[in-house]
Amino acid sequence: KRGVYEKGMHKLEIDRSELGVSSGLLYY
């Protein structure tokens, strides 16, 4: 996910359906 963000704190929500994997260890 890419974007231009303003200075400061941000939160990005990730939904399971976006990941295409059933379970396990992931890295972000």
PDB file of all heavy atoms in Angstrom:
ATOM      1  N   LYS A   1       0.870  -1.180   0.000  1.00  0.00           N
ATOM      2  CA  LYS A   1       0.000   0.000   0.000  1.00  0.00           C
ATOM      3  C   LYS A   1       0.899   1.219   0.000  1.00  0.00           C
ATOM      4  O   LYS A   1       1.808   1.321   0.814  1.00  0.00           O
ATOM      5  CB  LYS A   1      -0.899   0.002   1.234  1.00  0.00           C
ATOM      6  CG  LYS A   1      -1.831  -1.183   1.238  1.00  0.00           C
ATOM      7  CD  LYS A   1      -2.944  -0.993   2.232  1.00  0.00           C
ATOM      8  CE  LYS A   1      -3.937  -2.126   2.073  1.00  0.00           C
ATOM      9  NZ  LYS A   1      -5.272  -1.718   2.426  1.00  0.00           N
ATOM     10  N   ARG A   2       0.643   2.125  -0.946  1.00  0.00           N
ATOM     11  CA  ARG A   2       1.442   3.352  -1.065  1.00  0.00           C
ATOM     12  C   ARG A   2       0.543   4.558  -0.890  1.00  0.00           C
ATOM     13  O   ARG A   2      -0.617   4.526  -1.255  1.00  0.00           O
ATOM     14  CB  ARG A   2       2.065   3.436  -2.456  1.00  0.00           C
ATOM     15  CG  ARG A   2       3.266   2.587  -2.637  1.00  0.00           C
ATOM     16  CD  ARG A   2       3.961   2.918  -3.962  1.00  0.00           C
ATOM     17  NE  ARG A   2       5.150   2.124  -4.087  1.00  0.00           N
ATOM     18  CZ  ARG A   2       5.155   0.873  -4.495  1.00  0.00           C
ATOM     19  NH1 ARG A   2       4.037   0.280  -4.833  1.00  0.00           N
ATOM     20  NH2 ARG A   2       6.286   0.202  -4.579  1.00  0.00           N
ATOM     21  N   GLY A   3       1.129   5.615  -0.378  1.00  0.00           N
ATOM     22  CA  GLY A   3       0.391   6.861  -0.268  1.00  0.00           C
ATOM     23  C   GLY A   3       1.292   7.981   0.164  1.00  0.00           C
ATOM     24  O   GLY A   3       2.400   7.749   0.646  1.00  0.00           O
ATOM     25  N   VAL A   4       0.808   9.205  -0.017  1.00  0.00           N
ATOM     26  CA  VAL A   4       1.502  10.378   0.492  1.00  0.00           C
ATOM     27  C   VAL A   4       0.811  10.744   1.792  1.00  0.00           C
ATOM     28  O   VAL A   4      -0.400  10.943   1.831  1.00  0.00           O
ATOM     29  CB  VAL A   4       1.448  11.542  -0.511  1.00  0.00           C
ATOM     30  CG1 VAL A   4       2.077  12.793   0.081  1.00  0.00           C
ATOM     31  CG2 VAL A   4       2.150  11.146  -1.804  1.00  0.00           C
ATOM     32  N   TYR A   5       1.587  10.778   2.858  1.00  0.00           N
ATOM     33  CA  TYR A   5       1.055  11.016   4.191  1.00  0.00           C
ATOM     34  C   TYR A   5       1.621  12.303   4.765  1.00  0.00           C
ATOM     35  O   TYR A   5       2.779  12.645   4.514  1.00  0.00           O
ATOM     36  CB  TYR A   5       1.417   9.850   5.126  1.00  0.00           C
ATOM     37  CG  TYR A   5       0.740   8.562   4.752  1.00  0.00           C
ATOM     38  CD1 TYR A   5       1.340   7.673   3.872  1.00  0.00           C
ATOM     39  CD2 TYR A   5      -0.503   8.234   5.280  1.00  0.00           C
ATOM     40  CE1 TYR A   5       0.715   6.483   3.526  1.00  0.00           C
ATOM     41  CE2 TYR A   5      -1.136   7.047   4.941  1.00  0.00           C
ATOM     42  CZ  TYR A   5      -0.520   6.178   4.068  1.00  0.00           C
ATOM     43  OH  TYR A   5      -1.144   5.010   3.724  1.00  0.00           O
ATOM     44  N   GLU A   6       0.806  12.998   5.543  1.00  0.00           N
ATOM     45  CA  GLU A   6       1.243  14.192   6.252  1.00  0.00           C
ATOM     46  C   GLU A   6       2.159  13.793   7.408  1.00  0.00           C
ATOM     47  O   GLU A   6       2.114  12.661   7.885  1.00  0.00           O
ATOM     48  CB  GLU A   6       0.026  14.948   6.803  1.00  0.00           C
ATOM     49  CG  GLU A   6      -0.905  15.504   5.746  1.00  0.00           C
ATOM     50  CD  GLU A   6      -0.275  16.601   4.905  1.00  0.00           C
ATOM     51  OE1 GLU A   6       0.584  17.352   5.423  1.00  0.00           O
ATOM     52  OE2 GLU A   6      -0.653  16.714   3.722  1.00  0.00           O
ATOM     53  N   LYS A   7       2.928  14.743   7.892  1.00  0.00           N
ATOM     54  CA  LYS A   7       3.754  14.546   9.088  1.00  0.00           C
ATOM     55  C   LYS A   7       2.869  14.085  10.236  1.00  0.00           C
ATOM     56  O   LYS A   7       1.759  14.573  10.408  1.00  0.00           O
ATOM     57  CB  LYS A   7       4.419  15.879   9.445  1.00  0.00           C
ATOM     58  CG  LYS A   7       5.116  15.886  10.784  1.00  0.00           C
ATOM     59  CD  LYS A   7       5.638  17.271  11.081  1.00  0.00           C
ATOM     60  CE  LYS A   7       6.217  17.315  12.480  1.00  0.00           C
ATOM     61  NZ  LYS A   7       6.773  18.618  12.798  1.00  0.00           N
ATOM     62  N   GLY A   8       3.364  13.120  11.022  1.00  0.00           N
ATOM     63  CA  GLY A   8       2.636  12.691  12.211  1.00  0.00           C
ATOM     64  C   GLY A   8       2.336  11.210  12.226  1.00  0.00           C
ATOM     65  O   GLY A   8       2.961  10.419  11.520  1.00  0.00           O
ATOM     66  N   MET A   9       1.350  10.850  13.039  1.00  0.00           N
ATOM     67  CA  MET A   9       0.970   9.448  13.287  1.00  0.00           C
ATOM     68  C   MET A   9      -0.136   9.024  12.330  1.00  0.00           C
ATOM     69  O   MET A   9      -1.073   9.785  12.092  1.00  0.00           O
ATOM     70  CB  MET A   9       0.485   9.353  14.746  1.00  0.00           C
ATOM     71  CG  MET A   9      -0.096   8.039  15.141  1.00  0.00           C
ATOM     72  SD  MET A   9       1.189   6.810  15.400  1.00  0.00           S
ATOM     73  CE  MET A   9       0.162   5.378  15.673  1.00  0.00           C
ATOM     74  N   HIS A  10       0.001   7.795  11.817  1.00  0.00           N
ATOM     75  CA  HIS A  10      -0.996   7.247  10.887  1.00  0.00           C
ATOM     76  C   HIS A  10      -1.261   5.786  11.230  1.00  0.00           C
ATOM     77  O   HIS A  10      -0.395   5.111  11.782  1.00  0.00           O
ATOM     78  CB  HIS A  10      -0.488   7.345   9.447  1.00  0.00           C
ATOM     79  CG  HIS A  10      -0.171   8.744   9.048  1.00  0.00           C
ATOM     80  ND1 HIS A  10      -1.129   9.623   8.632  1.00  0.00           N
ATOM     81  CD2 HIS A  10       0.997   9.424   9.056  1.00  0.00           C
ATOM     82  CE1 HIS A  10      -0.562  10.787   8.384  1.00  0.00           C
ATOM     83  NE2 HIS A  10       0.726  10.694   8.636  1.00  0.00           N
ATOM     84  N   LYS A  11      -2.459   5.329  10.857  1.00  0.00           N
ATOM     85  CA  LYS A  11      -2.805   3.918  11.035  1.00  0.00           C
ATOM     86  C   LYS A  11      -3.366   3.392   9.726  1.00  0.00           C
ATOM     87  O   LYS A  11      -4.156   4.046   9.076  1.00  0.00           O
ATOM     88  CB  LYS A  11      -3.845   3.746  12.145  1.00  0.00           C
ATOM     89  CG  LYS A  11      -3.269   3.989  13.509  1.00  0.00           C
ATOM     90  CD  LYS A  11      -4.264   3.690  14.588  1.00  0.00           C
ATOM     91  CE  LYS A  11      -3.600   3.893  15.943  1.00  0.00           C
ATOM     92  NZ  LYS A  11      -4.518   3.648  17.041  1.00  0.00           N
ATOM     93  N   LEU A  12      -2.922   2.204   9.375  1.00  0.00           N
ATOM     94  CA  LEU A  12      -3.351   1.555   8.149  1.00  0.00           C
ATOM     95  C   LEU A  12      -4.010   0.244   8.526  1.00  0.00           C
ATOM     96  O   LEU A  12      -3.390  -0.582   9.202  1.00  0.00           O
ATOM     97  CB  LEU A  12      -2.115   1.308   7.282  1.00  0.00           C
ATOM     98  CG  LEU A  12      -2.308   0.814   5.866  1.00  0.00           C
ATOM     99  CD1 LEU A  12      -3.093   1.830   5.044  1.00  0.00           C
ATOM    100  CD2 LEU A  12      -0.962   0.577   5.223  1.00  0.00           C
ATOM    101  N   GLU A  13      -5.265   0.058   8.120  1.00  0.00           N
ATOM    102  CA  GLU A  13      -5.952  -1.189   8.437  1.00  0.00           C
ATOM    103  C   GLU A  13      -5.700  -2.207   7.337  1.00  0.00           C
ATOM    104  O   GLU A  13      -5.793  -1.894   6.152  1.00  0.00           O
ATOM    105  CB  GLU A  13      -7.454  -0.968   8.609  1.00  0.00           C
ATOM    106  CG  GLU A  13      -8.140  -2.233   9.084  1.00  0.00           C
ATOM    107  CD  GLU A  13      -9.545  -2.011   9.593  1.00  0.00           C
ATOM    108  OE1 GLU A  13      -9.870  -0.876   9.948  1.00  0.00           O
ATOM    109  OE2 GLU A  13     -10.308  -2.985   9.623  1.00  0.00           O
ATOM    110  N   ILE A  14      -5.364  -3.420   7.753  1.00  0.00           N
ATOM    111  CA  ILE A  14      -5.134  -4.527   6.826  1.00  0.00           C
ATOM    112  C   ILE A  14      -6.194  -5.583   7.106  1.00  0.00           C
ATOM    113  O   ILE A  14      -6.333  -6.039   8.241  1.00  0.00           O
ATOM    114  CB  ILE A  14      -3.731  -5.145   7.022  1.00  0.00           C
ATOM    115  CG1 ILE A  14      -2.627  -4.070   6.874  1.00  0.00           C
ATOM    116  CG2 ILE A  14      -3.506  -6.313   6.067  1.00  0.00           C
ATOM    117  CD1 ILE A  14      -2.497  -3.471   5.503  1.00  0.00           C
ATOM    118  N   ASP A  15      -6.918  -5.969   6.076  1.00  0.00           N
ATOM    119  CA  ASP A  15      -7.953  -6.980   6.206  1.00  0.00           C
ATOM    120  C   ASP A  15      -7.412  -8.328   5.743  1.00  0.00           C
ATOM    121  O   ASP A  15      -6.654  -8.395   4.776  1.00  0.00           O
ATOM    122  CB  ASP A  15      -9.172  -6.579   5.358  1.00  0.00           C
ATOM    123  CG  ASP A  15     -10.370  -7.425   5.667  1.00  0.00           C
ATOM    124  OD1 ASP A  15     -11.064  -7.143   6.660  1.00  0.00           O
ATOM    125  OD2 ASP A  15     -10.611  -8.402   4.926  1.00  0.00           O
ATOM    126  N   ARG A  16      -7.813  -9.369   6.442  1.00  0.00           N
ATOM    127  CA  ARG A  16      -7.378 -10.729   6.113  1.00  0.00           C
ATOM    128  C   ARG A  16      -7.575 -11.054   4.627  1.00  0.00           C
ATOM    129  O   ARG A  16      -6.734 -11.691   4.003  1.00  0.00           O
ATOM    130  CB  ARG A  16      -8.169 -11.714   6.980  1.00  0.00           C
ATOM    131  CG  ARG A  16      -7.894 -13.142   6.642  1.00  0.00           C
ATOM    132  CD  ARG A  16      -8.815 -14.105   7.407  1.00  0.00           C
ATOM    133  NE  ARG A  16      -8.140 -15.369   7.479  1.00  0.00           N
ATOM    134  CZ  ARG A  16      -7.628 -15.877   8.576  1.00  0.00           C
ATOM    135  NH1 ARG A  16      -7.753 -15.262   9.724  1.00  0.00           N
ATOM    136  NH2 ARG A  16      -6.994 -17.028   8.532  1.00  0.00           N
ATOM    137  N   SER A  17      -8.687 -10.606   4.044  1.00  0.00           N
ATOM    138  CA  SER A  17      -8.997 -10.922   2.649  1.00  0.00           C
ATOM    139  C   SER A  17      -7.953 -10.358   1.680  1.00  0.00           C
ATOM    140  O   SER A  17      -7.790 -10.872   0.572  1.00  0.00           O
ATOM    141  CB  SER A  17     -10.385 -10.395   2.279  1.00  0.00           C
ATOM    142  OG  SER A  17     -10.417  -8.986   2.383  1.00  0.00           O
ATOM    143  N   GLU A  18      -7.226  -9.329   2.089  1.00  0.00           N
ATOM    144  CA  GLU A  18      -6.180  -8.744   1.230  1.00  0.00           C
ATOM    145  C   GLU A  18      -4.931  -9.605   1.172  1.00  0.00           C
ATOM    146  O   GLU A  18      -4.108  -9.455   0.282  1.00  0.00           O
ATOM    147  CB  GLU A  18      -5.768  -7.367   1.751  1.00  0.00           C
ATOM    148  CG  GLU A  18      -6.855  -6.330   1.770  1.00  0.00           C
ATOM    149  CD  GLU A  18      -6.359  -5.048   2.379  1.00  0.00           C
ATOM    150  OE1 GLU A  18      -5.593  -4.343   1.700  1.00  0.00           O
ATOM    151  OE2 GLU A  18      -6.726  -4.750   3.527  1.00  0.00           O
ATOM    152  N   LEU A  19      -4.769 -10.493   2.160  1.00  0.00           N
ATOM    153  CA  LEU A  19      -3.499 -11.195   2.317  1.00  0.00           C
ATOM    154  C   LEU A  19      -3.383 -12.469   1.495  1.00  0.00           C
ATOM    155  O   LEU A  19      -2.294 -12.848   1.111  1.00  0.00           O
ATOM    156  CB  LEU A  19      -3.261 -11.495   3.805  1.00  0.00           C
ATOM    157  CG  LEU A  19      -3.185 -10.245   4.686  1.00  0.00           C
ATOM    158  CD1 LEU A  19      -3.070 -10.636   6.146  1.00  0.00           C
ATOM    159  CD2 LEU A  19      -2.030  -9.345   4.264  1.00  0.00           C
ATOM    160  N   GLY A  20      -4.492 -13.153   1.258  1.00  0.00           N
ATOM    161  CA  GLY A  20      -4.457 -14.349   0.421  1.00  0.00           C
ATOM    162  C   GLY A  20      -3.697 -15.520   1.018  1.00  0.00           C
ATOM    163  O   GLY A  20      -3.260 -16.405   0.298  1.00  0.00           O
ATOM    164  N   VAL A  21      -3.485 -15.503   2.336  1.00  0.00           N
ATOM    165  CA  VAL A  21      -2.855 -16.635   3.012  1.00  0.00           C
ATOM    166  C   VAL A  21      -3.772 -17.030   4.173  1.00  0.00           C
ATOM    167  O   VAL A  21      -4.502 -16.204   4.707  1.00  0.00           O
ATOM    168  CB  VAL A  21      -1.434 -16.309   3.537  1.00  0.00           C
ATOM    169  CG1 VAL A  21      -0.484 -16.075   2.378  1.00  0.00           C
ATOM    170  CG2 VAL A  21      -1.431 -15.130   4.478  1.00  0.00           C
ATOM    171  N   SER A  22      -3.726 -18.293   4.558  1.00  0.00           N
ATOM    172  CA  SER A  22      -4.660 -18.778   5.574  1.00  0.00           C
ATOM    173  C   SER A  22      -4.211 -18.438   6.988  1.00  0.00           C
ATOM    174  O   SER A  22      -5.012 -18.061   7.835  1.00  0.00           O
ATOM    175  CB  SER A  22      -4.857 -20.278   5.435  1.00  0.00           C
ATOM    176  OG  SER A  22      -3.619 -20.941   5.562  1.00  0.00           O
ATOM    177  N   SER A  23      -2.922 -18.568   7.254  1.00  0.00           N
ATOM    178  CA  SER A  23      -2.403 -18.251   8.586  1.00  0.00           C
ATOM    179  C   SER A  23      -0.892 -18.292   8.547  1.00  0.00           C
ATOM    180  O   SER A  23      -0.293 -18.732   7.562  1.00  0.00           O
ATOM    181  CB  SER A  23      -2.928 -19.240   9.630  1.00  0.00           C
ATOM    182  OG  SER A  23      -2.447 -20.534   9.349  1.00  0.00           O
ATOM    183  N   GLY A  24      -0.282 -17.826   9.642  1.00  0.00           N
ATOM    184  CA  GLY A  24       1.166 -17.928   9.746  1.00  0.00           C
ATOM    185  C   GLY A  24       1.843 -16.625  10.069  1.00  0.00           C
ATOM    186  O   GLY A  24       1.208 -15.593  10.281  1.00  0.00           O
ATOM    187  N   LEU A  25       3.155 -16.689  10.102  1.00  0.00           N
ATOM    188  CA  LEU A  25       4.002 -15.538  10.385  1.00  0.00           C
ATOM    189  C   LEU A  25       4.137 -14.700   9.119  1.00  0.00           C
ATOM    190  O   LEU A  25       4.411 -15.222   8.039  1.00  0.00           O
ATOM    191  CB  LEU A  25       5.384 -16.027  10.840  1.00  0.00           C
ATOM    192  CG  LEU A  25       6.426 -14.962  11.120  1.00  0.00           C
ATOM    193  CD1 LEU A  25       6.011 -14.082  12.295  1.00  0.00           C
ATOM    194  CD2 LEU A  25       7.768 -15.618  11.390  1.00  0.00           C
ATOM    195  N   LEU A  26       3.939 -13.398   9.266  1.00  0.00           N
ATOM    196  CA  LEU A  26       4.105 -12.457   8.165  1.00  0.00           C
ATOM    197  C   LEU A  26       5.035 -11.344   8.619  1.00  0.00           C
ATOM    198  O   LEU A  26       5.214 -11.116   9.814  1.00  0.00           O
ATOM    199  CB  LEU A  26       2.756 -11.856   7.758  1.00  0.00           C
ATOM    200  CG  LEU A  26       1.682 -12.847   7.315  1.00  0.00           C
ATOM    201  CD1 LEU A  26       0.349 -12.134   7.155  1.00  0.00           C
ATOM    202  CD2 LEU A  26       2.085 -13.513   6.013  1.00  0.00           C
ATOM    203  N   TYR A  27       5.623 -10.667   7.667  1.00  0.00           N
ATOM    204  CA  TYR A  27       6.464  -9.511   7.946  1.00  0.00           C
ATOM    205  C   TYR A  27       5.850  -8.301   7.263  1.00  0.00           C
ATOM    206  O   TYR A  27       5.348  -8.415   6.151  1.00  0.00           O
ATOM    207  CB  TYR A  27       7.879  -9.724   7.382  1.00  0.00           C
ATOM    208  CG  TYR A  27       8.601 -10.862   8.031  1.00  0.00           C
ATOM    209  CD1 TYR A  27       8.504 -12.152   7.542  1.00  0.00           C
ATOM    210  CD2 TYR A  27       9.384 -10.642   9.167  1.00  0.00           C
ATOM    211  CE1 TYR A  27       9.161 -13.208   8.155  1.00  0.00           C
ATOM    212  CE2 TYR A  27      10.048 -11.691   9.782  1.00  0.00           C
ATOM    213  CZ  TYR A  27       9.929 -12.967   9.270  1.00  0.00           C
ATOM    214  OH  TYR A  27      10.575 -14.000   9.887  1.00  0.00           O
ATOM    215  N   TYR A  28       5.902  -7.152   7.932  1.00  0.00           N
ATOM    216  CA  TYR A  28       5.479  -5.918   7.271  1.00  0.00           C
ATOM    217  C   TYR A  28       6.606  -4.910   7.342  1.00  0.00           C
ATOM    218  O   TYR A  28       7.368  -4.868   8.303  1.00  0.00           O
ATOM    219  CB  TYR A  28       4.173  -5.364   7.843  1.00  0.00           C
ATOM    220  CG  TYR A  28       4.154  -5.038   9.319  1.00  0.00           C
ATOM    221  CD1 TYR A  28       4.300  -3.732   9.758  1.00  0.00           C
ATOM    222  CD2 TYR A  28       3.951  -6.031  10.272  1.00  0.00           C
ATOM    223  CE1 TYR A  28       4.257  -3.420  11.112  1.00  0.00           C
ATOM    224  CE2 TYR A  28       3.903  -5.732  11.620  1.00  0.00           C
ATOM    225  CZ  TYR A  28       4.063  -4.418  12.029  1.00  0.00           C
ATOM    226  OH  TYR A  28       4.020  -4.110  13.369  1.00  0.00           O
TER     227      TYR A  28
END
